[in-house]
Amino acid sequence: MKVRDGGKERVKLAPNPETAWTVKRMFKLVVSGMGVKEIAKWLNAHGIESPKGKRWGRGGFTGS
């Protein structure tokens, strides 16, 4: 979606309804003190697949 910002046209970012819950949960886990490895384990333990449909890895939130 594009929006006007003065004389410029910019892209308006919006949450993806299919992934918004997971992203919010990941941020809450970070704020609670969990690291990347622990968050990946939590997501896998709860059956939440990465965007690529795979398990989460400790290499980051790339979904590889």
C-alpha atoms as a PDB file:
ATOM      1  CA  MET A   1       0.000   0.000   0.000  1.00  0.00           C
ATOM      2  CA  LYS A   2       1.334   3.459  -0.860  1.00  0.00           C
ATOM      3  CA  VAL A   3       0.609   6.664   1.052  1.00  0.00           C
ATOM      4  CA  ARG A   4       1.305  10.301   0.287  1.00  0.00           C
ATOM      5  CA  ASP A   5       3.804  12.075   2.540  1.00  0.00           C
ATOM      6  CA  GLY A   6       3.843  15.656   1.356  1.00  0.00           C
ATOM      7  CA  GLY A   7       5.036  15.462  -2.227  1.00  0.00           C
ATOM      8  CA  LYS A   8       6.433  11.947  -1.892  1.00  0.00           C
ATOM      9  CA  GLU A   9       4.735   8.601  -2.216  1.00  0.00           C
ATOM     10  CA  ARG A  10       5.899   6.077   0.378  1.00  0.00           C
ATOM     11  CA  VAL A  11       5.189   2.468   1.193  1.00  0.00           C
ATOM     12  CA  LYS A  12       3.063   2.006   4.307  1.00  0.00           C
ATOM     13  CA  LEU A  13       4.143  -0.949   6.417  1.00  0.00           C
ATOM     14  CA  ALA A  14       1.428  -3.079   7.971  1.00  0.00           C
ATOM     15  CA  PRO A  15       1.569  -6.246  10.085  1.00  0.00           C
ATOM     16  CA  ASN A  16       0.943  -9.541   8.337  1.00  0.00           C
ATOM     17  CA  PRO A  17      -2.125 -10.994  10.103  1.00  0.00           C
ATOM     18  CA  GLU A  18      -0.809 -14.537   9.603  1.00  0.00           C
ATOM     19  CA  THR A  19       2.478 -13.894  11.439  1.00  0.00           C
ATOM     20  CA  ALA A  20       1.662 -10.983  13.761  1.00  0.00           C
ATOM     21  CA  TRP A  21       1.002 -13.181  16.810  1.00  0.00           C
ATOM     22  CA  THR A  22       4.330 -14.990  16.426  1.00  0.00           C
ATOM     23  CA  VAL A  23       6.289 -11.760  15.997  1.00  0.00           C
ATOM     24  CA  LYS A  24       4.620 -10.221  19.067  1.00  0.00           C
ATOM     25  CA  ARG A  25       5.353 -13.359  21.094  1.00  0.00           C
ATOM     26  CA  MET A  26       9.012 -13.305  20.005  1.00  0.00           C
ATOM     27  CA  PHE A  27       9.371  -9.684  21.152  1.00  0.00           C
ATOM     28  CA  LYS A  28       7.760 -10.527  24.505  1.00  0.00           C
ATOM     29  CA  LEU A  29      10.194 -13.418  24.970  1.00  0.00           C
ATOM     30  CA  VAL A  30      13.146 -11.123  24.213  1.00  0.00           C
ATOM     31  CA  VAL A  31      11.883  -8.573  26.733  1.00  0.00           C
ATOM     32  CA  SER A  32      11.517 -11.347  29.322  1.00  0.00           C
ATOM     33  CA  GLY A  33      15.248 -12.035  28.960  1.00  0.00           C
ATOM     34  CA  MET A  34      15.318 -15.040  26.633  1.00  0.00           C
ATOM     35  CA  GLY A  35      18.064 -15.322  24.046  1.00  0.00           C
ATOM     36  CA  VAL A  36      17.787 -16.412  20.432  1.00  0.00           C
ATOM     37  CA  LYS A  37      18.526 -20.072  21.174  1.00  0.00           C
ATOM     38  CA  GLU A  38      15.917 -20.240  23.937  1.00  0.00           C
ATOM     39  CA  ILE A  39      13.306 -18.502  21.806  1.00  0.00           C
ATOM     40  CA  ALA A  40      13.954 -20.921  18.921  1.00  0.00           C
ATOM     41  CA  LYS A  41      13.490 -23.847  21.333  1.00  0.00           C
ATOM     42  CA  TRP A  42      10.269 -22.306  22.682  1.00  0.00           C
ATOM     43  CA  LEU A  43       8.834 -21.776  19.197  1.00  0.00           C
ATOM     44  CA  ASN A  44       9.700 -25.352  18.169  1.00  0.00           C
ATOM     45  CA  ALA A  45       8.298 -26.798  21.412  1.00  0.00           C
ATOM     46  CA  HIS A  46       5.016 -25.018  20.722  1.00  0.00           C
ATOM     47  CA  GLY A  47       4.839 -26.257  17.135  1.00  0.00           C
ATOM     48  CA  ILE A  48       5.240 -22.822  15.582  1.00  0.00           C
ATOM     49  CA  GLU A  49       6.864 -23.190  12.176  1.00  0.00           C
ATOM     50  CA  SER A  50       9.198 -20.640  10.644  1.00  0.00           C
ATOM     51  CA  PRO A  51       8.020 -18.616   7.635  1.00  0.00           C
ATOM     52  CA  LYS A  52       9.613 -21.294   5.424  1.00  0.00           C
ATOM     53  CA  GLY A  53       7.632 -24.013   7.194  1.00  0.00           C
ATOM     54  CA  LYS A  54      10.686 -25.402   8.973  1.00  0.00           C
ATOM     55  CA  ARG A  55      11.906 -25.557  12.537  1.00  0.00           C
ATOM     56  CA  TRP A  56      13.503 -22.471  14.057  1.00  0.00           C
ATOM     57  CA  GLY A  57      17.293 -22.551  14.438  1.00  0.00           C
ATOM     58  CA  ARG A  58      19.706 -20.992  16.858  1.00  0.00           C
ATOM     59  CA  GLY A  59      21.379 -19.145  13.980  1.00  0.00           C
ATOM     60  CA  GLY A  60      18.751 -16.468  14.253  1.00  0.00           C
ATOM     61  CA  PHE A  61      15.200 -15.811  13.302  1.00  0.00           C
ATOM     62  CA  THR A  62      15.702 -16.525   9.639  1.00  0.00           C
ATOM     63  CA  GLY A  63      13.490 -19.597   9.696  1.00  0.00           C
ATOM     64  CA  SER A  64      16.195 -21.724   8.142  1.00  0.00           C
END
